[in-house]
Structure formats: structure tokens, C-alpha cells
Protein backbone atom coordinates (compact mmCIF):
# COMPACT_ATOMS: atom_id res chain seq x y z
CA UNK A 1 114.73 122.44 148.77
CA UNK A 2 115.74 121.02 145.39
CA UNK A 3 115.72 122.86 142.08
CA UNK A 4 113.11 121.71 139.54
CA UNK A 5 112.04 122.67 136.06
CA UNK A 6 108.60 121.80 134.77
CA UNK A 7 106.75 121.55 131.51
CA UNK A 8 102.98 121.73 131.53
CA UNK A 9 100.45 121.90 128.77
CA UNK A 10 97.55 124.04 129.91
CA UNK A 11 94.53 125.82 128.59
CA UNK A 12 94.24 129.42 129.72
CA UNK A 13 92.27 132.59 129.20
CA UNK A 14 92.67 136.12 130.56
CA UNK A 15 90.74 136.64 133.80
CA UNK A 16 91.30 139.06 136.66
CA UNK A 17 91.48 137.95 140.29
CA UNK A 18 87.92 139.11 141.11
CA UNK A 19 86.42 137.23 138.15
CA UNK A 20 88.27 134.08 139.22
CA UNK A 21 87.02 134.38 142.79
CA UNK A 22 83.47 134.87 141.49
CA UNK A 23 83.82 131.78 139.24
CA UNK A 24 84.84 129.74 142.27
CA UNK A 25 82.04 131.21 144.41
CA UNK A 26 84.56 132.77 146.78
CA UNK A 27 84.55 136.14 148.47
CA UNK A 28 87.54 138.28 147.47
CA UNK A 29 89.74 138.71 150.56
CA UNK A 30 89.86 142.33 151.77
CA UNK A 31 93.64 142.51 151.32
CA UNK A 32 93.58 141.43 147.63
CA UNK A 33 93.10 143.61 144.55
CA UNK A 34 90.33 142.17 142.37
CA UNK A 35 91.54 144.07 139.31
CA UNK A 36 94.87 142.18 139.25
CA UNK A 37 95.26 140.89 135.70
CA UNK A 38 95.95 137.21 135.28
CA UNK A 39 94.79 133.98 133.74
CA UNK A 40 92.36 131.22 134.50
CA UNK A 41 94.52 128.12 134.01
CA UNK A 42 93.14 124.63 133.38
CA UNK A 43 95.58 121.74 133.76
CA UNK A 44 94.50 118.94 131.44
CA UNK A 45 97.36 116.54 132.16
CA UNK A 46 95.72 114.40 134.79
CA UNK A 47 94.65 116.66 137.63
CA UNK A 48 91.18 115.99 139.00
CA UNK A 49 88.54 118.55 138.03
CA UNK A 50 87.87 120.97 140.90
CA UNK A 51 85.40 123.41 139.25
CA UNK A 52 82.08 122.39 137.65
CA UNK A 53 82.12 122.81 133.87
CA UNK A 54 85.85 122.09 133.53
CA UNK A 55 87.53 118.76 132.78
CA UNK A 56 90.88 119.50 134.47
CA UNK A 57 92.24 121.16 137.59
CA UNK A 58 91.59 124.93 137.54
CA UNK A 59 93.63 127.68 139.19
CA UNK A 60 94.46 131.37 138.72
CA UNK A 61 97.86 132.82 137.89
CA UNK A 62 98.97 136.47 137.95
CA UNK A 63 99.80 137.76 134.45
CA UNK A 64 103.55 138.20 135.03
CA UNK A 65 103.92 134.73 136.59
CA UNK A 66 101.96 133.18 133.72
CA UNK A 67 104.06 135.00 131.09
CA UNK A 68 107.29 133.60 132.57
CA UNK A 69 105.94 130.04 132.76
CA UNK A 70 103.95 129.54 129.55
CA UNK A 71 104.34 130.16 125.85
CA UNK A 72 101.67 129.95 123.17
CA UNK A 73 101.78 126.91 120.92
CA UNK A 74 101.20 129.15 117.91
CA UNK A 75 104.64 130.24 116.74
CA UNK A 76 106.36 127.82 119.09
CA UNK A 77 109.87 126.38 118.91
CA UNK A 78 110.73 122.81 117.97
CA UNK A 79 111.42 122.05 121.64
CA UNK A 80 107.88 123.07 122.55
CA UNK A 81 106.59 120.93 119.66
CA UNK A 82 108.46 117.90 121.05
CA UNK A 83 106.87 118.42 124.47
CA UNK A 84 103.44 118.54 122.79
CA UNK A 85 104.17 115.35 120.83
CA UNK A 86 105.22 113.52 123.99
CA UNK A 87 101.98 114.66 125.64
CA UNK A 88 99.99 112.96 122.86
CA UNK A 89 99.15 116.05 120.80
CA UNK A 90 99.52 116.52 117.04
CA UNK A 91 101.79 119.29 115.74
CA UNK A 92 102.56 120.91 112.41
CA UNK A 93 104.50 123.84 111.00
CA UNK A 94 102.47 126.83 109.96
CA UNK A 95 104.81 127.17 106.97
CA UNK A 96 104.24 123.67 105.57
CA UNK A 97 102.75 123.70 102.07
CA UNK A 98 100.76 120.46 102.33
CA UNK A 99 97.28 120.82 103.75
CA UNK A 100 96.31 118.43 106.52
CA UNK A 101 99.86 117.29 107.30
CA UNK A 102 100.79 116.77 110.94
CA UNK A 103 103.19 114.87 113.19
CA UNK A 104 102.39 112.57 116.07
CA UNK A 105 104.37 110.46 118.55
CA UNK A 106 104.41 106.67 118.23
CA UNK A 107 105.46 104.91 121.41
CA UNK A 108 107.75 101.90 121.63
CA UNK A 109 105.95 98.67 120.73
CA UNK A 110 106.10 95.72 118.30
CA UNK A 111 104.24 94.50 115.23
CA UNK A 112 103.74 91.07 113.63
CA UNK A 113 106.65 90.09 111.37
CA UNK A 114 105.71 90.64 107.71
CA UNK A 115 108.66 89.12 105.83
CA UNK A 116 110.67 85.92 106.01
CA UNK A 117 113.78 87.95 106.90
CA UNK A 118 111.98 89.58 109.83
CA UNK A 119 110.52 86.26 111.00
CA UNK A 120 113.95 84.61 110.78
CA UNK A 121 115.64 87.32 112.82
CA UNK A 122 112.89 88.41 115.28
CA UNK A 123 110.38 85.57 115.35
CA UNK A 124 106.67 86.43 115.33
CA UNK A 125 106.96 90.02 116.62
CA UNK A 126 109.31 92.81 115.50
CA UNK A 127 110.14 95.33 118.25
CA UNK A 128 110.54 99.01 117.41
CA UNK A 129 111.55 102.09 119.35
CA UNK A 130 109.50 105.24 119.73
CA UNK A 131 109.49 107.59 116.74
CA UNK A 132 107.74 110.59 115.22
CA UNK A 133 105.28 109.80 112.43
CA UNK A 134 103.91 112.17 109.79
CA UNK A 135 100.41 112.08 108.34
CA UNK A 136 101.10 113.16 104.77
CA UNK A 137 99.05 115.28 102.38
CA UNK A 138 98.18 111.98 100.60
CA UNK A 139 96.63 110.66 103.83
CA UNK A 140 99.42 108.13 104.41
CA UNK A 141 101.79 107.72 107.36
CA UNK A 142 105.58 107.79 107.15
CA UNK A 143 108.37 108.00 109.74
CA UNK A 144 109.57 111.60 109.97
CA UNK A 145 113.02 113.11 110.52
CA UNK A 146 113.47 116.82 111.24
CA UNK A 147 115.51 119.04 108.94
CA UNK A 148 117.70 121.86 110.23
CA UNK A 149 115.01 124.27 109.03
CA UNK A 150 112.35 122.40 111.07
CA UNK A 151 114.54 122.35 114.18
CA UNK A 152 115.22 126.08 114.05
CA UNK A 153 111.70 127.14 113.01
CA UNK A 154 109.50 129.22 115.32
CA UNK A 155 106.18 128.46 113.56
CA UNK A 156 105.17 125.17 115.23
CA UNK A 157 101.57 124.83 116.38
CA UNK A 158 99.27 122.25 117.92
CA UNK A 159 96.79 120.71 115.49
CA UNK A 160 93.29 120.46 116.93
């Protein structure tokens, strides 16, 4: 078998094994301990819903397995924030002073040329590469570049 590393964005809540089996309408197997602590995990990244009342694929994970695989988005590292951005989520630093500021990912695309210089060089459409944009406190959008402080911060969170 090959070696793989994965990154998933999930929703989760504490739930023991018995509660999960009851949610699914299953009988707890005789050789399993229903009091095992764990998490109900909902994968919202494209898996087909398998439990009524949920939008994504639902499974159960033992607490120790979950703790090794997932980290809360509150107080997250910059690397975790990048993963969230690439998944289409908005992120911000808890320590930012401006209210309502957040970052989001802008994918590679093009826009209509606005100046004579752009039209002369590119023609009708100007291509651009993917970048991170910031919604500012003034409700405007600017391209964003991380500072060393941002990169090393552990206070990133997903904006809902």
C-alpha cells in the first residue's frame, strides 16, 4: 500500500458509539462498548448524504482517532487557514482590529481590459493567477499578502 496524507474539513460533535448507532437505527453489536467516547463526523466536501437530516456523509470516529486527525479552526495555524481558503471558506485572525474583515480565495481567471496599456498588451481579456483577497473594514476588496506575524499566528478561524 502507498502512504497518503489527507486534509478534510468536517463538522463534528461529541457522541458516543451507542448514540451513533441509535442515530443510524442500528443495533449495537454485542462485542462493542456503547460508552466509547467519540465524534459524529459529517463530511461536507462532496460525499453523498447517508443519514436523513444531514447534508453530507456521516460517520463515527473514536475520540483518540479524531484528535489525531482533526484540529479546531478556532486558534488554528496559517497552514490550516490556507486549507480552509482553498476549500472556499472565509478566514480571519481573531487578533485583527478591524471588524468584519476576512480573507477569501480568488481562483485563476481573467477580466476585461480596463486601460489602453492592458488592451495593447493582452487584448480584450487580462489573465490573472489565483490570489488571496481581503474584505476590508471599509467594505472594499484588496489583494492580500501575509506578514510574518500572520504566518506564525495561531489565532486563525473560519468566518461563518
